[in-house]
Amino acid sequence: MKSFVAALAFAVVAAVGVAMVLNTFQESSAVAFTTTGARVGDPGNNLIGPG
């Protein structure tokens, strides 16, 4: 039973840690897919939105 609780605690800690790391690298689609040839205007006025 102790090993199950330890594995469960590790899974929770790992999930929270990975979520925090991925949140720092995440960017909106308005930023990620904008190139010099793309016509992406103000994110509030098109389909992708600001968030």
N, C-alpha and C. Protein backbone atom coordinates (compact mmCIF):
# COMPACT_ATOMS: atom_id res chain seq x y z
N MET A 1 0.82 -1.19 0.00
CA MET A 1 0.00 0.00 0.00
C MET A 1 0.87 1.26 0.00
N LYS A 2 2.00 1.21 0.69
CA LYS A 2 2.88 2.37 0.75
C LYS A 2 3.44 2.70 -0.64
N SER A 3 3.74 1.67 -1.40
CA SER A 3 4.29 1.92 -2.74
C SER A 3 3.24 2.53 -3.66
N PHE A 4 1.99 2.14 -3.50
CA PHE A 4 0.92 2.72 -4.30
C PHE A 4 0.73 4.20 -3.98
N VAL A 5 0.74 4.55 -2.72
CA VAL A 5 0.59 5.94 -2.30
C VAL A 5 1.79 6.76 -2.78
N ALA A 6 2.99 6.18 -2.71
CA ALA A 6 4.18 6.87 -3.19
C ALA A 6 4.10 7.09 -4.70
N ALA A 7 3.63 6.09 -5.44
CA ALA A 7 3.49 6.23 -6.89
C ALA A 7 2.43 7.26 -7.24
N LEU A 8 1.36 7.29 -6.49
CA LEU A 8 0.30 8.27 -6.71
C LEU A 8 0.80 9.69 -6.43
N ALA A 9 1.54 9.85 -5.35
CA ALA A 9 2.10 11.16 -5.02
C ALA A 9 3.10 11.59 -6.09
N PHE A 10 3.93 10.67 -6.56
CA PHE A 10 4.88 11.01 -7.62
C PHE A 10 4.15 11.42 -8.90
N ALA A 11 3.08 10.72 -9.24
CA ALA A 11 2.33 11.06 -10.45
C ALA A 11 1.73 12.45 -10.35
N VAL A 12 1.21 12.81 -9.18
CA VAL A 12 0.63 14.14 -8.99
C VAL A 12 1.72 15.21 -9.09
N VAL A 13 2.84 14.99 -8.44
CA VAL A 13 3.94 15.96 -8.47
C VAL A 13 4.49 16.09 -9.88
N ALA A 14 4.64 14.98 -10.59
CA ALA A 14 5.14 15.03 -11.97
C ALA A 14 4.16 15.75 -12.88
N ALA A 15 2.88 15.52 -12.73
CA ALA A 15 1.88 16.18 -13.58
C ALA A 15 1.87 17.68 -13.34
N VAL A 16 1.94 18.10 -12.10
CA VAL A 16 1.96 19.53 -11.79
C VAL A 16 3.25 20.16 -12.33
N GLY A 17 4.37 19.48 -12.17
CA GLY A 17 5.64 20.01 -12.67
C GLY A 17 5.65 20.14 -14.18
N VAL A 18 5.17 19.14 -14.87
CA VAL A 18 5.13 19.19 -16.33
C VAL A 18 4.17 20.28 -16.80
N ALA A 19 3.04 20.43 -16.14
CA ALA A 19 2.09 21.48 -16.52
C ALA A 19 2.71 22.87 -16.35
N MET A 20 3.48 23.06 -15.30
CA MET A 20 4.12 24.36 -15.08
C MET A 20 5.19 24.62 -16.14
N VAL A 21 5.96 23.60 -16.49
CA VAL A 21 7.01 23.77 -17.50
C VAL A 21 6.39 24.05 -18.86
N LEU A 22 5.37 23.30 -19.24
CA LEU A 22 4.74 23.50 -20.53
C LEU A 22 4.04 24.85 -20.62
N ASN A 23 3.54 25.34 -19.50
CA ASN A 23 2.86 26.63 -19.50
C ASN A 23 3.83 27.77 -19.82
N THR A 24 5.11 27.60 -19.48
CA THR A 24 6.08 28.65 -19.78
C THR A 24 6.43 28.68 -21.26
N PHE A 25 6.32 27.56 -21.96
CA PHE A 25 6.67 27.49 -23.37
C PHE A 25 5.49 27.74 -24.30
N GLN A 26 4.30 27.71 -23.77
CA GLN A 26 3.09 27.83 -24.59
C GLN A 26 2.91 29.26 -25.08
N GLU A 27 2.52 29.42 -26.34
CA GLU A 27 2.22 30.73 -26.89
C GLU A 27 0.94 30.64 -27.71
N SER A 28 0.30 31.76 -27.90
CA SER A 28 -0.97 31.74 -28.61
C SER A 28 -0.75 31.46 -30.10
N SER A 29 -1.79 31.06 -30.77
CA SER A 29 -1.68 30.76 -32.19
C SER A 29 -1.41 32.02 -33.01
N ALA A 30 -1.82 33.18 -32.50
CA ALA A 30 -1.54 34.43 -33.20
C ALA A 30 -0.04 34.69 -33.25
N VAL A 31 0.69 34.25 -32.25
CA VAL A 31 2.14 34.42 -32.20
C VAL A 31 2.84 33.25 -32.89
N ALA A 32 2.37 32.04 -32.65
CA ALA A 32 3.06 30.85 -33.14
C ALA A 32 3.01 30.71 -34.66
N PHE A 33 1.92 31.07 -35.29
CA PHE A 33 1.76 30.83 -36.71
C PHE A 33 1.81 32.10 -37.55
N THR A 34 2.36 33.17 -37.02
CA THR A 34 2.48 34.40 -37.77
C THR A 34 3.84 34.48 -38.44
N THR A 35 3.82 34.64 -39.75
CA THR A 35 5.06 34.83 -40.51
C THR A 35 4.93 36.13 -41.28
N THR A 36 5.95 36.45 -42.05
CA THR A 36 5.89 37.70 -42.81
C THR A 36 4.82 37.64 -43.89
N GLY A 37 4.46 36.44 -44.37
CA GLY A 37 3.46 36.33 -45.42
C GLY A 37 2.05 36.12 -44.91
N ALA A 38 1.88 35.93 -43.61
CA ALA A 38 0.55 35.68 -43.06
C ALA A 38 -0.18 37.00 -42.82
N ARG A 39 -1.49 36.96 -42.98
CA ARG A 39 -2.30 38.15 -42.76
C ARG A 39 -3.09 38.01 -41.47
N VAL A 40 -2.40 38.02 -40.37
CA VAL A 40 -3.06 37.91 -39.07
C VAL A 40 -3.09 39.30 -38.46
N GLY A 41 -4.29 39.81 -38.27
CA GLY A 41 -4.44 41.15 -37.72
C GLY A 41 -4.52 41.11 -36.21
N ASP A 42 -5.25 42.02 -35.66
CA ASP A 42 -5.46 42.09 -34.22
C ASP A 42 -6.19 40.83 -33.78
N PRO A 43 -5.65 40.07 -32.80
CA PRO A 43 -6.30 38.83 -32.39
C PRO A 43 -7.72 39.00 -31.87
N GLY A 44 -8.11 40.21 -31.50
CA GLY A 44 -9.47 40.43 -31.03
C GLY A 44 -10.47 40.54 -32.15
N ASN A 45 -10.02 40.67 -33.41
CA ASN A 45 -10.93 40.90 -34.51
C ASN A 45 -10.98 39.75 -35.52
N ASN A 46 -10.37 38.63 -35.22
CA ASN A 46 -10.44 37.51 -36.14
C ASN A 46 -10.85 36.24 -35.39
N LEU A 47 -10.78 35.09 -36.03
CA LEU A 47 -11.34 33.88 -35.46
C LEU A 47 -10.51 33.27 -34.34
N ILE A 48 -9.21 33.56 -34.26
CA ILE A 48 -8.40 32.88 -33.26
C ILE A 48 -8.51 33.51 -31.88
N GLY A 49 -8.83 34.75 -31.79
CA GLY A 49 -9.04 35.42 -30.51
C GLY A 49 -7.77 35.62 -29.71
N PRO A 50 -7.82 36.44 -28.69
CA PRO A 50 -6.63 36.76 -27.93
C PRO A 50 -6.20 35.65 -26.97
N GLY A 51 -7.07 34.79 -26.55
CA GLY A 51 -6.70 33.76 -25.57
C GLY A 51 -7.04 32.45 -26.07
